[in-house]
Each structure stands twice: as structure tokens, then as C-alpha cells.
Amino acid sequence: MMTGRQARAPLQFLPDEARSLPPPKLTDPRLAYIGFLGYCSSLIDNAIRRRPVLSAGLHRQFLYITSFVFVGYYLLKRQDYMYAVRDHDMFSYIKSHPEDFPEKDKKTYREVFEEFHPVR
């Protein structure tokens, strides 16, 4: 039986282990994209309710943007955590099975590239 990480706890969005990871940056382009999706959803909401699309409910548009960015921030934290768990499992497997992953010979650029002779 395999030893290592325990199974995931059910109905737990972000485990306590995720606190050791660095938080996503607020300048992350994925957060800007999620905020833009919030803005677009507010425009669609105005169009569905037959309000002026761009000018009606600016406070609602800001609410959509901030709520989407807030939720997106935690989704990005979860995504980073899931990638970290996957990387941890993959590297621990590589470390425990060295016969399947032999070290390759390190070559210099001189060995890789051909001799260069300029033609004039």
C-alpha cells in the first residue's frame, strides 16, 4: 500500500496546508480577467433587465467586479494549491523510483552545435 499524503477531506475548499503557499498577486492577469468577466456580467444583467447597458447601475457594476475578483482570488489560491499537490506527488514519485528516471549526460554547447564556418 502506498504511503504519503492522506486522502482529501470531503467538502473542504482550501485545506490548512494551502496557507504555507504564497498568495496570488493582486496584479495577476487572471484576476484582471475575472474582474472583466464580472464587468461583462453586469452589462449583460443590465441588458436582460432592459436598462441602459453602460450607464445604469454603476454601483452594481462595481459590486459585480469586486465580488468576481474576491471569488476569483480564492479560486486562484485553490488552483495553485492543487498544482502544488500534483507537483509534490510527481516529484516524490520520481525521487522514490530513480530507476525509471535516469540522469542524462550533461552536454556543453560545443558538443551540441556544429562547427561554424562563415561563407564569404
PDB file of N, CA and C in Angstrom:
ATOM      1  N   MET A   1       0.842  -1.176   0.000  1.00  0.00           N
ATOM      2  CA  MET A   1       0.000   0.000   0.000  1.00  0.00           C
ATOM      3  C   MET A   1       0.888   1.240   0.000  1.00  0.00           C
ATOM      4  N   MET A   2       0.466   2.269  -0.709  1.00  0.00           N
ATOM      5  CA  MET A   2       1.275   3.480  -0.821  1.00  0.00           C
ATOM      6  C   MET A   2       1.190   4.295   0.463  1.00  0.00           C
ATOM      7  N   THR A   3       2.291   4.862   0.821  1.00  0.00           N
ATOM      8  CA  THR A   3       2.310   5.752   1.978  1.00  0.00           C
ATOM      9  C   THR A   3       2.531   7.161   1.493  1.00  0.00           C
ATOM     10  N   GLY A   4       2.220   8.124   2.315  1.00  0.00           N
ATOM     11  CA  GLY A   4       2.427   9.514   1.913  1.00  0.00           C
ATOM     12  C   GLY A   4       1.264  10.369   2.353  1.00  0.00           C
ATOM     13  N   ARG A   5       0.782  11.156   1.439  1.00  0.00           N
ATOM     14  CA  ARG A   5      -0.269  12.123   1.727  1.00  0.00           C
ATOM     15  C   ARG A   5      -1.590  11.406   1.991  1.00  0.00           C
ATOM     16  N   GLN A   6      -2.350  11.915   2.953  1.00  0.00           N
ATOM     17  CA  GLN A   6      -3.642  11.330   3.257  1.00  0.00           C
ATOM     18  C   GLN A   6      -4.666  11.777   2.229  1.00  0.00           C
ATOM     19  N   ALA A   7      -5.787  11.098   2.217  1.00  0.00           N
ATOM     20  CA  ALA A   7      -6.847  11.432   1.269  1.00  0.00           C
ATOM     21  C   ALA A   7      -7.428  12.804   1.593  1.00  0.00           C
ATOM     22  N   ARG A   8      -8.044  13.400   0.600  1.00  0.00           N
ATOM     23  CA  ARG A   8      -8.628  14.727   0.789  1.00  0.00           C
ATOM     24  C   ARG A   8      -9.810  14.679   1.742  1.00  0.00           C
ATOM     25  N   ALA A   9      -9.955  15.727   2.515  1.00  0.00           N
ATOM     26  CA  ALA A   9     -11.104  15.827   3.410  1.00  0.00           C
ATOM     27  C   ALA A   9     -12.319  16.244   2.588  1.00  0.00           C
ATOM     28  N   PRO A  10     -13.453  15.612   2.769  1.00  0.00           N
ATOM     29  CA  PRO A  10     -14.617  15.972   1.962  1.00  0.00           C
ATOM     30  C   PRO A  10     -15.139  17.360   2.328  1.00  0.00           C
ATOM     31  N   LEU A  11     -15.646  18.070   1.350  1.00  0.00           N
ATOM     32  CA  LEU A  11     -16.275  19.384   1.490  1.00  0.00           C
ATOM     33  C   LEU A  11     -15.333  20.416   2.109  1.00  0.00           C
ATOM     34  N   GLN A  12     -14.067  20.325   1.791  1.00  0.00           N
ATOM     35  CA  GLN A  12     -13.121  21.314   2.274  1.00  0.00           C
ATOM     36  C   GLN A  12     -12.530  22.001   1.050  1.00  0.00           C
ATOM     37  N   PHE A  13     -12.844  23.290   0.909  1.00  0.00           N
ATOM     38  CA  PHE A  13     -12.435  24.016  -0.291  1.00  0.00           C
ATOM     39  C   PHE A  13     -10.942  24.275  -0.315  1.00  0.00           C
ATOM     40  N   LEU A  14     -10.407  24.777   0.787  1.00  0.00           N
ATOM     41  CA  LEU A  14      -8.985  25.113   0.847  1.00  0.00           C
ATOM     42  C   LEU A  14      -8.408  24.584   2.156  1.00  0.00           C
ATOM     43  N   PRO A  15      -7.632  23.495   2.099  1.00  0.00           N
ATOM     44  CA  PRO A  15      -7.104  22.917   3.333  1.00  0.00           C
ATOM     45  C   PRO A  15      -6.095  23.840   4.027  1.00  0.00           C
ATOM     46  N   ASP A  16      -5.759  23.505   5.267  1.00  0.00           N
ATOM     47  CA  ASP A  16      -4.819  24.307   6.042  1.00  0.00           C
ATOM     48  C   ASP A  16      -3.415  24.273   5.449  1.00  0.00           C
ATOM     49  N   GLU A  17      -3.090  23.218   4.694  1.00  0.00           N
ATOM     50  CA  GLU A  17      -1.774  23.124   4.069  1.00  0.00           C
ATOM     51  C   GLU A  17      -1.568  24.237   3.045  1.00  0.00           C
ATOM     52  N   ALA A  18      -2.658  24.771   2.507  1.00  0.00           N
ATOM     53  CA  ALA A  18      -2.561  25.804   1.478  1.00  0.00           C
ATOM     54  C   ALA A  18      -2.061  27.127   2.049  1.00  0.00           C
ATOM     55  N   ARG A  19      -2.088  27.282   3.363  1.00  0.00           N
ATOM     56  CA  ARG A  19      -1.618  28.531   3.968  1.00  0.00           C
ATOM     57  C   ARG A  19      -0.124  28.710   3.839  1.00  0.00           C
ATOM     58  N   SER A  20       0.605  27.616   3.638  1.00  0.00           N
ATOM     59  CA  SER A  20       2.057  27.721   3.506  1.00  0.00           C
ATOM     60  C   SER A  20       2.476  28.226   2.126  1.00  0.00           C
ATOM     61  N   LEU A  21       1.558  28.219   1.166  1.00  0.00           N
ATOM     62  CA  LEU A  21       1.880  28.703  -0.176  1.00  0.00           C
ATOM     63  C   LEU A  21       1.795  30.224  -0.221  1.00  0.00           C
ATOM     64  N   PRO A  22       2.571  30.857  -1.096  1.00  0.00           N
ATOM     65  CA  PRO A  22       2.442  32.317  -1.230  1.00  0.00           C
ATOM     66  C   PRO A  22       1.112  32.678  -1.869  1.00  0.00           C
ATOM     67  N   PRO A  23       0.504  33.776  -1.447  1.00  0.00           N
ATOM     68  CA  PRO A  23      -0.796  34.148  -2.019  1.00  0.00           C
ATOM     69  C   PRO A  23      -0.635  34.656  -3.450  1.00  0.00           C
ATOM     70  N   PRO A  24      -1.692  34.566  -4.260  1.00  0.00           N
ATOM     71  CA  PRO A  24      -1.615  35.124  -5.606  1.00  0.00           C
ATOM     72  C   PRO A  24      -1.449  36.639  -5.535  1.00  0.00           C
ATOM     73  N   LYS A  25      -0.727  37.186  -6.495  1.00  0.00           N
ATOM     74  CA  LYS A  25      -0.521  38.628  -6.524  1.00  0.00           C
ATOM     75  C   LYS A  25      -1.804  39.323  -6.953  1.00  0.00           C
ATOM     76  N   LEU A  26      -2.034  40.507  -6.437  1.00  0.00           N
ATOM     77  CA  LEU A  26      -3.229  41.253  -6.830  1.00  0.00           C
ATOM     78  C   LEU A  26      -3.106  41.799  -8.245  1.00  0.00           C
ATOM     79  N   THR A  27      -1.905  41.802  -8.799  1.00  0.00           N
ATOM     80  CA  THR A  27      -1.700  42.251 -10.173  1.00  0.00           C
ATOM     81  C   THR A  27      -1.698  41.085 -11.158  1.00  0.00           C
ATOM     82  N   ASP A  28      -2.149  39.938 -10.710  1.00  0.00           N
ATOM     83  CA  ASP A  28      -2.197  38.750 -11.560  1.00  0.00           C
ATOM     84  C   ASP A  28      -3.161  38.991 -12.723  1.00  0.00           C
ATOM     85  N   PRO A  29      -2.755  38.720 -13.957  1.00  0.00           N
ATOM     86  CA  PRO A  29      -3.660  38.959 -15.083  1.00  0.00           C
ATOM     87  C   PRO A  29      -4.908  38.081 -15.048  1.00  0.00           C
ATOM     88  N   ARG A  30      -4.821  36.940 -14.375  1.00  0.00           N
ATOM     89  CA  ARG A  30      -6.018  36.098 -14.268  1.00  0.00           C
ATOM     90  C   ARG A  30      -7.083  36.787 -13.421  1.00  0.00           C
ATOM     91  N   LEU A  31      -6.651  37.522 -12.387  1.00  0.00           N
ATOM     92  CA  LEU A  31      -7.613  38.274 -11.566  1.00  0.00           C
ATOM     93  C   LEU A  31      -8.236  39.416 -12.361  1.00  0.00           C
ATOM     94  N   ALA A  32      -7.427  40.075 -13.196  1.00  0.00           N
ATOM     95  CA  ALA A  32      -7.967  41.145 -14.033  1.00  0.00           C
ATOM     96  C   ALA A  32      -8.986  40.574 -15.012  1.00  0.00           C
ATOM     97  N   TYR A  33      -8.710  39.395 -15.540  1.00  0.00           N
ATOM     98  CA  TYR A  33      -9.647  38.750 -16.461  1.00  0.00           C
ATOM     99  C   TYR A  33     -10.949  38.394 -15.750  1.00  0.00           C
ATOM    100  N   ILE A  34     -10.843  37.884 -14.536  1.00  0.00           N
ATOM    101  CA  ILE A  34     -12.046  37.528 -13.779  1.00  0.00           C
ATOM    102  C   ILE A  34     -12.844  38.788 -13.444  1.00  0.00           C
ATOM    103  N   GLY A  35     -12.153  39.895 -13.105  1.00  0.00           N
ATOM    104  CA  GLY A  35     -12.843  41.168 -12.874  1.00  0.00           C
ATOM    105  C   GLY A  35     -13.531  41.659 -14.133  1.00  0.00           C
ATOM    106  N   PHE A  36     -12.893  41.481 -15.291  1.00  0.00           N
ATOM    107  CA  PHE A  36     -13.518  41.859 -16.556  1.00  0.00           C
ATOM    108  C   PHE A  36     -14.757  41.017 -16.819  1.00  0.00           C
ATOM    109  N   LEU A  37     -14.710  39.734 -16.457  1.00  0.00           N
ATOM    110  CA  LEU A  37     -15.906  38.892 -16.594  1.00  0.00           C
ATOM    111  C   LEU A  37     -17.033  39.403 -15.701  1.00  0.00           C
ATOM    112  N   GLY A  38     -16.681  39.889 -14.514  1.00  0.00           N
ATOM    113  CA  GLY A  38     -17.691  40.479 -13.632  1.00  0.00           C
ATOM    114  C   GLY A  38     -18.309  41.719 -14.252  1.00  0.00           C
ATOM    115  N   TYR A  39     -17.486  42.558 -14.877  1.00  0.00           N
ATOM    116  CA  TYR A  39     -17.995  43.757 -15.553  1.00  0.00           C
ATOM    117  C   TYR A  39     -18.926  43.366 -16.701  1.00  0.00           C
ATOM    118  N   CYS A  40     -18.509  42.381 -17.495  1.00  0.00           N
ATOM    119  CA  CYS A  40     -19.351  41.927 -18.612  1.00  0.00           C
ATOM    120  C   CYS A  40     -20.658  41.324 -18.116  1.00  0.00           C
ATOM    121  N   SER A  41     -20.613  40.612 -17.003  1.00  0.00           N
ATOM    122  CA  SER A  41     -21.856  40.029 -16.487  1.00  0.00           C
ATOM    123  C   SER A  41     -22.797  41.117 -15.975  1.00  0.00           C
ATOM    124  N   SER A  42     -22.242  42.220 -15.463  1.00  0.00           N
ATOM    125  CA  SER A  42     -23.118  43.321 -15.047  1.00  0.00           C
ATOM    126  C   SER A  42     -23.760  43.991 -16.260  1.00  0.00           C
ATOM    127  N   LEU A  43     -23.017  44.087 -17.351  1.00  0.00           N
ATOM    128  CA  LEU A  43     -23.590  44.647 -18.582  1.00  0.00           C
ATOM    129  C   LEU A  43     -24.684  43.737 -19.129  1.00  0.00           C
ATOM    130  N   ILE A  44     -24.467  42.452 -19.072  1.00  0.00           N
ATOM    131  CA  ILE A  44     -25.487  41.503 -19.533  1.00  0.00           C
ATOM    132  C   ILE A  44     -26.711  41.577 -18.632  1.00  0.00           C
ATOM    133  N   ASP A  45     -26.497  41.733 -17.330  1.00  0.00           N
ATOM    134  CA  ASP A  45     -27.620  41.877 -16.396  1.00  0.00           C
ATOM    135  C   ASP A  45     -28.436  43.123 -16.730  1.00  0.00           C
ATOM    136  N   ASN A  46     -27.761  44.236 -17.047  1.00  0.00           N
ATOM    137  CA  ASN A  46     -28.485  45.446 -17.435  1.00  0.00           C
ATOM    138  C   ASN A  46     -29.255  45.234 -18.735  1.00  0.00           C
ATOM    139  N   ALA A  47     -28.659  44.529 -19.676  1.00  0.00           N
ATOM    140  CA  ALA A  47     -29.335  44.298 -20.955  1.00  0.00           C
ATOM    141  C   ALA A  47     -30.545  43.402 -20.778  1.00  0.00           C
ATOM    142  N   ILE A  48     -30.435  42.384 -19.930  1.00  0.00           N
ATOM    143  CA  ILE A  48     -31.564  41.473 -19.706  1.00  0.00           C
ATOM    144  C   ILE A  48     -32.719  42.201 -19.027  1.00  0.00           C
ATOM    145  N   ARG A  49     -32.407  43.091 -18.108  1.00  0.00           N
ATOM    146  CA  ARG A  49     -33.456  43.822 -17.389  1.00  0.00           C
ATOM    147  C   ARG A  49     -33.895  45.091 -18.117  1.00  0.00           C
ATOM    148  N   ARG A  50     -33.451  45.268 -19.348  1.00  0.00           N
ATOM    149  CA  ARG A  50     -33.822  46.394 -20.221  1.00  0.00           C
ATOM    150  C   ARG A  50     -33.523  47.742 -19.600  1.00  0.00           C
ATOM    151  N   ARG A  51     -32.343  47.846 -19.043  1.00  0.00           N
ATOM    152  CA  ARG A  51     -31.834  49.118 -18.541  1.00  0.00           C
ATOM    153  C   ARG A  51     -30.797  49.620 -19.535  1.00  0.00           C
ATOM    154  N   PRO A  52     -30.440  50.906 -19.463  1.00  0.00           N
ATOM    155  CA  PRO A  52     -29.318  51.357 -20.295  1.00  0.00           C
ATOM    156  C   PRO A  52     -28.064  50.570 -19.914  1.00  0.00           C
ATOM    157  N   VAL A  53     -27.447  49.965 -20.904  1.00  0.00           N
ATOM    158  CA  VAL A  53     -26.420  48.961 -20.635  1.00  0.00           C
ATOM    159  C   VAL A  53     -25.210  49.540 -19.907  1.00  0.00           C
ATOM    160  N   LEU A  54     -24.643  50.636 -20.403  1.00  0.00           N
ATOM    161  CA  LEU A  54     -23.401  51.149 -19.821  1.00  0.00           C
ATOM    162  C   LEU A  54     -23.615  52.116 -18.663  1.00  0.00           C
ATOM    163  N   SER A  55     -24.706  52.872 -18.692  1.00  0.00           N
ATOM    164  CA  SER A  55     -24.833  53.964 -17.726  1.00  0.00           C
ATOM    165  C   SER A  55     -25.683  53.626 -16.500  1.00  0.00           C
ATOM    166  N   ALA A  56     -26.463  52.591 -16.548  1.00  0.00           N
ATOM    167  CA  ALA A  56     -27.349  52.291 -15.420  1.00  0.00           C
ATOM    168  C   ALA A  56     -26.638  51.429 -14.381  1.00  0.00           C
ATOM    169  N   GLY A  57     -26.746  51.816 -13.142  1.00  0.00           N
ATOM    170  CA  GLY A  57     -26.268  50.989 -12.039  1.00  0.00           C
ATOM    171  C   GLY A  57     -24.769  50.848 -11.976  1.00  0.00           C
ATOM    172  N   LEU A  58     -24.052  51.967 -11.944  1.00  0.00           N
ATOM    173  CA  LEU A  58     -22.596  51.878 -11.830  1.00  0.00           C
ATOM    174  C   LEU A  58     -22.187  51.213 -10.514  1.00  0.00           C
ATOM    175  N   HIS A  59     -22.981  51.429  -9.470  1.00  0.00           N
ATOM    176  CA  HIS A  59     -22.679  50.780  -8.193  1.00  0.00           C
ATOM    177  C   HIS A  59     -22.805  49.262  -8.318  1.00  0.00           C
ATOM    178  N   ARG A  60     -23.771  48.796  -9.127  1.00  0.00           N
ATOM    179  CA  ARG A  60     -23.914  47.360  -9.350  1.00  0.00           C
ATOM    180  C   ARG A  60     -22.738  46.814 -10.155  1.00  0.00           C
ATOM    181  N   GLN A  61     -22.260  47.599 -11.109  1.00  0.00           N
ATOM    182  CA  GLN A  61     -21.118  47.148 -11.901  1.00  0.00           C
ATOM    183  C   GLN A  61     -19.884  46.989 -11.018  1.00  0.00           C
ATOM    184  N   PHE A  62     -19.656  47.944 -10.119  1.00  0.00           N
ATOM    185  CA  PHE A  62     -18.525  47.824  -9.193  1.00  0.00           C
ATOM    186  C   PHE A  62     -18.716  46.654  -8.233  1.00  0.00           C
ATOM    187  N   LEU A  63     -19.952  46.408  -7.830  1.00  0.00           N
ATOM    188  CA  LEU A  63     -20.219  45.267  -6.958  1.00  0.00           C
ATOM    189  C   LEU A  63     -19.917  43.957  -7.672  1.00  0.00           C
ATOM    190  N   TYR A  64     -20.326  43.835  -8.922  1.00  0.00           N
ATOM    191  CA  TYR A  64     -20.030  42.635  -9.696  1.00  0.00           C
ATOM    192  C   TYR A  64     -18.516  42.456  -9.835  1.00  0.00           C
ATOM    193  N   ILE A  65     -17.818  43.536 -10.155  1.00  0.00           N
ATOM    194  CA  ILE A  65     -16.374  43.442 -10.364  1.00  0.00           C
ATOM    195  C   ILE A  65     -15.682  42.994  -9.078  1.00  0.00           C
ATOM    196  N   THR A  66     -15.992  43.632  -7.959  1.00  0.00           N
ATOM    197  CA  THR A  66     -15.316  43.282  -6.712  1.00  0.00           C
ATOM    198  C   THR A  66     -15.683  41.884  -6.230  1.00  0.00           C
ATOM    199  N   SER A  67     -16.939  41.492  -6.410  1.00  0.00           N
ATOM    200  CA  SER A  67     -17.313  40.150  -5.969  1.00  0.00           C
ATOM    201  C   SER A  67     -16.651  39.084  -6.848  1.00  0.00           C
ATOM    202  N   PHE A  68     -16.560  39.321  -8.147  1.00  0.00           N
ATOM    203  CA  PHE A  68     -15.897  38.353  -9.016  1.00  0.00           C
ATOM    204  C   PHE A  68     -14.410  38.267  -8.687  1.00  0.00           C
ATOM    205  N   VAL A  69     -13.765  39.407  -8.421  1.00  0.00           N
ATOM    206  CA  VAL A  69     -12.347  39.389  -8.078  1.00  0.00           C
ATOM    207  C   VAL A  69     -12.143  38.685  -6.742  1.00  0.00           C
ATOM    208  N   PHE A  70     -13.018  38.913  -5.776  1.00  0.00           N
ATOM    209  CA  PHE A  70     -12.910  38.261  -4.474  1.00  0.00           C
ATOM    210  C   PHE A  70     -13.027  36.746  -4.609  1.00  0.00           C
ATOM    211  N   VAL A  71     -14.037  36.284  -5.329  1.00  0.00           N
ATOM    212  CA  VAL A  71     -14.215  34.838  -5.515  1.00  0.00           C
ATOM    213  C   VAL A  71     -13.073  34.276  -6.357  1.00  0.00           C
ATOM    214  N   GLY A  72     -12.662  35.015  -7.393  1.00  0.00           N
ATOM    215  CA  GLY A  72     -11.570  34.562  -8.250  1.00  0.00           C
ATOM    216  C   GLY A  72     -10.263  34.433  -7.506  1.00  0.00           C
ATOM    217  N   TYR A  73     -10.033  35.300  -6.523  1.00  0.00           N
ATOM    218  CA  TYR A  73      -8.815  35.229  -5.720  1.00  0.00           C
ATOM    219  C   TYR A  73      -8.736  33.884  -5.001  1.00  0.00           C
ATOM    220  N   TYR A  74      -9.836  33.449  -4.403  1.00  0.00           N
ATOM    221  CA  TYR A  74      -9.831  32.167  -3.700  1.00  0.00           C
ATOM    222  C   TYR A  74      -9.812  30.992  -4.662  1.00  0.00           C
ATOM    223  N   LEU A  75     -10.385  31.159  -5.842  1.00  0.00           N
ATOM    224  CA  LEU A  75     -10.273  30.096  -6.842  1.00  0.00           C
ATOM    225  C   LEU A  75      -8.827  29.949  -7.312  1.00  0.00           C
ATOM    226  N   LEU A  76      -8.125  31.069  -7.455  1.00  0.00           N
ATOM    227  CA  LEU A  76      -6.714  31.005  -7.841  1.00  0.00           C
ATOM    228  C   LEU A  76      -5.876  30.383  -6.729  1.00  0.00           C
ATOM    229  N   LYS A  77      -6.203  30.679  -5.470  1.00  0.00           N
ATOM    230  CA  LYS A  77      -5.487  30.043  -4.365  1.00  0.00           C
ATOM    231  C   LYS A  77      -5.691  28.536  -4.397  1.00  0.00           C
ATOM    232  N   ARG A  78      -6.911  28.113  -4.675  1.00  0.00           N
ATOM    233  CA  ARG A  78      -7.186  26.680  -4.749  1.00  0.00           C
ATOM    234  C   ARG A  78      -6.455  26.045  -5.932  1.00  0.00           C
ATOM    235  N   GLN A  79      -6.444  26.728  -7.065  1.00  0.00           N
ATOM    236  CA  GLN A  79      -5.756  26.206  -8.238  1.00  0.00           C
ATOM    237  C   GLN A  79      -4.257  26.069  -7.963  1.00  0.00           C
ATOM    238  N   ASP A  80      -3.664  27.071  -7.339  1.00  0.00           N
ATOM    239  CA  ASP A  80      -2.238  26.997  -7.000  1.00  0.00           C
ATOM    240  C   ASP A  80      -1.967  25.854  -6.028  1.00  0.00           C
ATOM    241  N   TYR A  81      -2.869  25.649  -5.078  1.00  0.00           N
ATOM    242  CA  TYR A  81      -2.709  24.556  -4.120  1.00  0.00           C
ATOM    243  C   TYR A  81      -2.792  23.207  -4.826  1.00  0.00           C
ATOM    244  N   MET A  82      -3.760  23.056  -5.736  1.00  0.00           N
ATOM    245  CA  MET A  82      -3.911  21.779  -6.435  1.00  0.00           C
ATOM    246  C   MET A  82      -2.681  21.490  -7.304  1.00  0.00           C
ATOM    247  N   TYR A  83      -2.138  22.513  -7.948  1.00  0.00           N
ATOM    248  CA  TYR A  83      -0.921  22.326  -8.735  1.00  0.00           C
ATOM    249  C   TYR A  83       0.263  21.974  -7.834  1.00  0.00           C
ATOM    250  N   ALA A  84       0.335  22.582  -6.657  1.00  0.00           N
ATOM    251  CA  ALA A  84       1.426  22.273  -5.726  1.00  0.00           C
ATOM    252  C   ALA A  84       1.334  20.832  -5.237  1.00  0.00           C
ATOM    253  N   VAL A  85       0.128  20.352  -4.969  1.00  0.00           N
ATOM    254  CA  VAL A  85      -0.055  18.962  -4.532  1.00  0.00           C
ATOM    255  C   VAL A  85       0.343  18.012  -5.648  1.00  0.00           C
ATOM    256  N   ARG A  86      -0.056  18.334  -6.869  1.00  0.00           N
ATOM    257  CA  ARG A  86       0.292  17.479  -8.009  1.00  0.00           C
ATOM    258  C   ARG A  86       1.807  17.445  -8.208  1.00  0.00           C
ATOM    259  N   ASP A  87       2.450  18.608  -8.121  1.00  0.00           N
ATOM    260  CA  ASP A  87       3.898  18.656  -8.281  1.00  0.00           C
ATOM    261  C   ASP A  87       4.601  17.882  -7.163  1.00  0.00           C
ATOM    262  N   HIS A  88       4.098  18.017  -5.946  1.00  0.00           N
ATOM    263  CA  HIS A  88       4.691  17.292  -4.816  1.00  0.00           C
ATOM    264  C   HIS A  88       4.596  15.790  -5.040  1.00  0.00           C
ATOM    265  N   ASP A  89       3.431  15.316  -5.464  1.00  0.00           N
ATOM    266  CA  ASP A  89       3.261  13.886  -5.709  1.00  0.00           C
ATOM    267  C   ASP A  89       4.152  13.401  -6.847  1.00  0.00           C
ATOM    268  N   MET A  90       4.248  14.199  -7.897  1.00  0.00           N
ATOM    269  CA  MET A  90       5.055  13.811  -9.047  1.00  0.00           C
ATOM    270  C   MET A  90       6.538  13.745  -8.667  1.00  0.00           C
ATOM    271  N   PHE A  91       7.039  14.757  -7.965  1.00  0.00           N
ATOM    272  CA  PHE A  91       8.452  14.750  -7.593  1.00  0.00           C
ATOM    273  C   PHE A  91       8.769  13.676  -6.563  1.00  0.00           C
ATOM    274  N   SER A  92       7.832  13.385  -5.672  1.00  0.00           N
ATOM    275  CA  SER A  92       8.092  12.307  -4.711  1.00  0.00           C
ATOM    276  C   SER A  92       8.110  10.952  -5.417  1.00  0.00           C
ATOM    277  N   TYR A  93       7.294  10.793  -6.465  1.00  0.00           N
ATOM    278  CA  TYR A  93       7.326   9.546  -7.233  1.00  0.00           C
ATOM    279  C   TYR A  93       8.651   9.418  -7.973  1.00  0.00           C
ATOM    280  N   ILE A  94       9.111  10.522  -8.562  1.00  0.00           N
ATOM    281  CA  ILE A  94      10.386  10.499  -9.279  1.00  0.00           C
ATOM    282  C   ILE A  94      11.529  10.192  -8.315  1.00  0.00           C
ATOM    283  N   LYS A  95      11.456  10.759  -7.121  1.00  0.00           N
ATOM    284  CA  LYS A  95      12.509  10.538  -6.128  1.00  0.00           C
ATOM    285  C   LYS A  95      12.508   9.096  -5.614  1.00  0.00           C
ATOM    286  N   SER A  96      11.335   8.493  -5.493  1.00  0.00           N
ATOM    287  CA  SER A  96      11.258   7.131  -4.963  1.00  0.00           C
ATOM    288  C   SER A  96      11.472   6.062  -6.034  1.00  0.00           C
ATOM    289  N   HIS A  97      11.469   6.427  -7.313  1.00  0.00           N
ATOM    290  CA  HIS A  97      11.710   5.471  -8.406  1.00  0.00           C
ATOM    291  C   HIS A  97      12.822   5.993  -9.315  1.00  0.00           C
ATOM    292  N   PRO A  98      14.060   6.045  -8.834  1.00  0.00           N
ATOM    293  CA  PRO A  98      15.141   6.607  -9.664  1.00  0.00           C
ATOM    294  C   PRO A  98      15.481   5.735 -10.867  1.00  0.00           C
ATOM    295  N   GLU A  99      15.155   4.456 -10.816  1.00  0.00           N
ATOM    296  CA  GLU A  99      15.483   3.584 -11.947  1.00  0.00           C
ATOM    297  C   GLU A  99      14.632   3.907 -13.182  1.00  0.00           C
ATOM    298  N   ASP A 100      13.459   4.479 -12.982  1.00  0.00           N
ATOM    299  CA  ASP A 100      12.615   4.852 -14.113  1.00  0.00           C
ATOM    300  C   ASP A 100      13.019   6.184 -14.731  1.00  0.00           C
ATOM    301  N   PHE A 101      13.787   6.987 -14.012  1.00  0.00           N
ATOM    302  CA  PHE A 101      14.172   8.323 -14.470  1.00  0.00           C
ATOM    303  C   PHE A 101      15.689   8.484 -14.343  1.00  0.00           C
ATOM    304  N   PRO A 102      16.439   7.905 -15.284  1.00  0.00           N
ATOM    305  CA  PRO A 102      17.898   8.034 -15.181  1.00  0.00           C
ATOM    306  C   PRO A 102      18.352   9.453 -15.505  1.00  0.00           C
ATOM    307  N   GLU A 103      19.471   9.833 -14.905  1.00  0.00           N
ATOM    308  CA  GLU A 103      20.036  11.159 -15.163  1.00  0.00           C
ATOM    309  C   GLU A 103      20.685  11.149 -16.532  1.00  0.00           C
ATOM    310  N   LYS A 104      20.445  12.191 -17.306  1.00  0.00           N
ATOM    311  CA  LYS A 104      21.029  12.288 -18.633  1.00  0.00           C
ATOM    312  C   LYS A 104      22.401  12.956 -18.531  1.00  0.00           C
ATOM    313  N   ASP A 105      23.235  12.643 -19.520  1.00  0.00           N
ATOM    314  CA  ASP A 105      24.558  13.267 -19.566  1.00  0.00           C
ATOM    315  C   ASP A 105      24.394  14.742 -19.888  1.00  0.00           C
ATOM    316  N   LYS A 106      25.135  15.562 -19.182  1.00  0.00           N
ATOM    317  CA  LYS A 106      25.091  16.995 -19.449  1.00  0.00           C
ATOM    318  C   LYS A 106      26.058  17.310 -20.572  1.00  0.00           C
ATOM    319  N   LYS A 107      25.552  17.945 -21.616  1.00  0.00           N
ATOM    320  CA  LYS A 107      26.373  18.301 -22.758  1.00  0.00           C
ATOM    321  C   LYS A 107      26.620  19.799 -22.754  1.00  0.00           C
ATOM    322  N   THR A 108      27.751  20.164 -23.283  1.00  0.00           N
ATOM    323  CA  THR A 108      28.042  21.583 -23.441  1.00  0.00           C
ATOM    324  C   THR A 108      27.532  22.034 -24.804  1.00  0.00           C
ATOM    325  N   TYR A 109      27.487  23.343 -24.991  1.00  0.00           N
ATOM    326  CA  TYR A 109      27.038  23.861 -26.286  1.00  0.00           C
ATOM    327  C   TYR A 109      27.995  23.447 -27.396  1.00  0.00           C
ATOM    328  N   ARG A 110      29.235  23.279 -27.077  1.00  0.00           N
ATOM    329  CA  ARG A 110      30.211  22.882 -28.086  1.00  0.00           C
ATOM    330  C   ARG A 110      29.885  21.503 -28.644  1.00  0.00           C
ATOM    331  N   GLU A 111      29.378  20.622 -27.809  1.00  0.00           N
ATOM    332  CA  GLU A 111      29.021  19.279 -28.261  1.00  0.00           C
ATOM    333  C   GLU A 111      27.710  19.260 -29.029  1.00  0.00           C
ATOM    334  N   VAL A 112      26.826  20.202 -28.733  1.00  0.00           N
ATOM    335  CA  VAL A 112      25.513  20.214 -29.365  1.00  0.00           C
ATOM    336  C   VAL A 112      25.564  20.884 -30.730  1.00  0.00           C
ATOM    337  N   PHE A 113      26.223  22.046 -30.826  1.00  0.00           N
ATOM    338  CA  PHE A 113      26.247  22.814 -32.058  1.00  0.00           C
ATOM    339  C   PHE A 113      27.354  22.324 -32.981  1.00  0.00           C
ATOM    340  N   GLU A 114      27.106  22.514 -34.271  1.00  0.00           N
ATOM    341  CA  GLU A 114      28.119  22.156 -35.255  1.00  0.00           C
ATOM    342  C   GLU A 114      29.135  23.293 -35.371  1.00  0.00           C
ATOM    343  N   GLU A 115      30.240  22.968 -35.966  1.00  0.00           N
ATOM    344  CA  GLU A 115      31.285  23.948 -36.191  1.00  0.00           C
ATOM    345  C   GLU A 115      30.778  24.994 -37.193  1.00  0.00           C
ATOM    346  N   PHE A 116      31.043  26.264 -36.915  1.00  0.00           N
ATOM    347  CA  PHE A 116      30.571  27.332 -37.791  1.00  0.00           C
ATOM    348  C   PHE A 116      31.713  27.862 -38.644  1.00  0.00           C
ATOM    349  N   HIS A 117      31.494  27.821 -39.954  1.00  0.00           N
ATOM    350  CA  HIS A 117      32.460  28.358 -40.909  1.00  0.00           C
ATOM    351  C   HIS A 117      31.726  29.356 -41.790  1.00  0.00           C
ATOM    352  N   PRO A 118      32.003  30.630 -41.644  1.00  0.00           N
ATOM    353  CA  PRO A 118      31.297  31.615 -42.483  1.00  0.00           C
ATOM    354  C   PRO A 118      31.720  31.509 -43.948  1.00  0.00           C
ATOM    355  N   VAL A 119      30.730  31.628 -44.826  1.00  0.00           N
ATOM    356  CA  VAL A 119      30.997  31.582 -46.259  1.00  0.00           C
ATOM    357  C   VAL A 119      30.988  33.007 -46.771  1.00  0.00           C
ATOM    358  N   ARG A 120      32.093  33.423 -47.410  1.00  0.00           N
ATOM    359  CA  ARG A 120      32.182  34.798 -47.924  1.00  0.00           C
ATOM    360  C   ARG A 120      32.434  34.796 -49.390  1.00  0.00           C
TER     361      ARG A 120
END
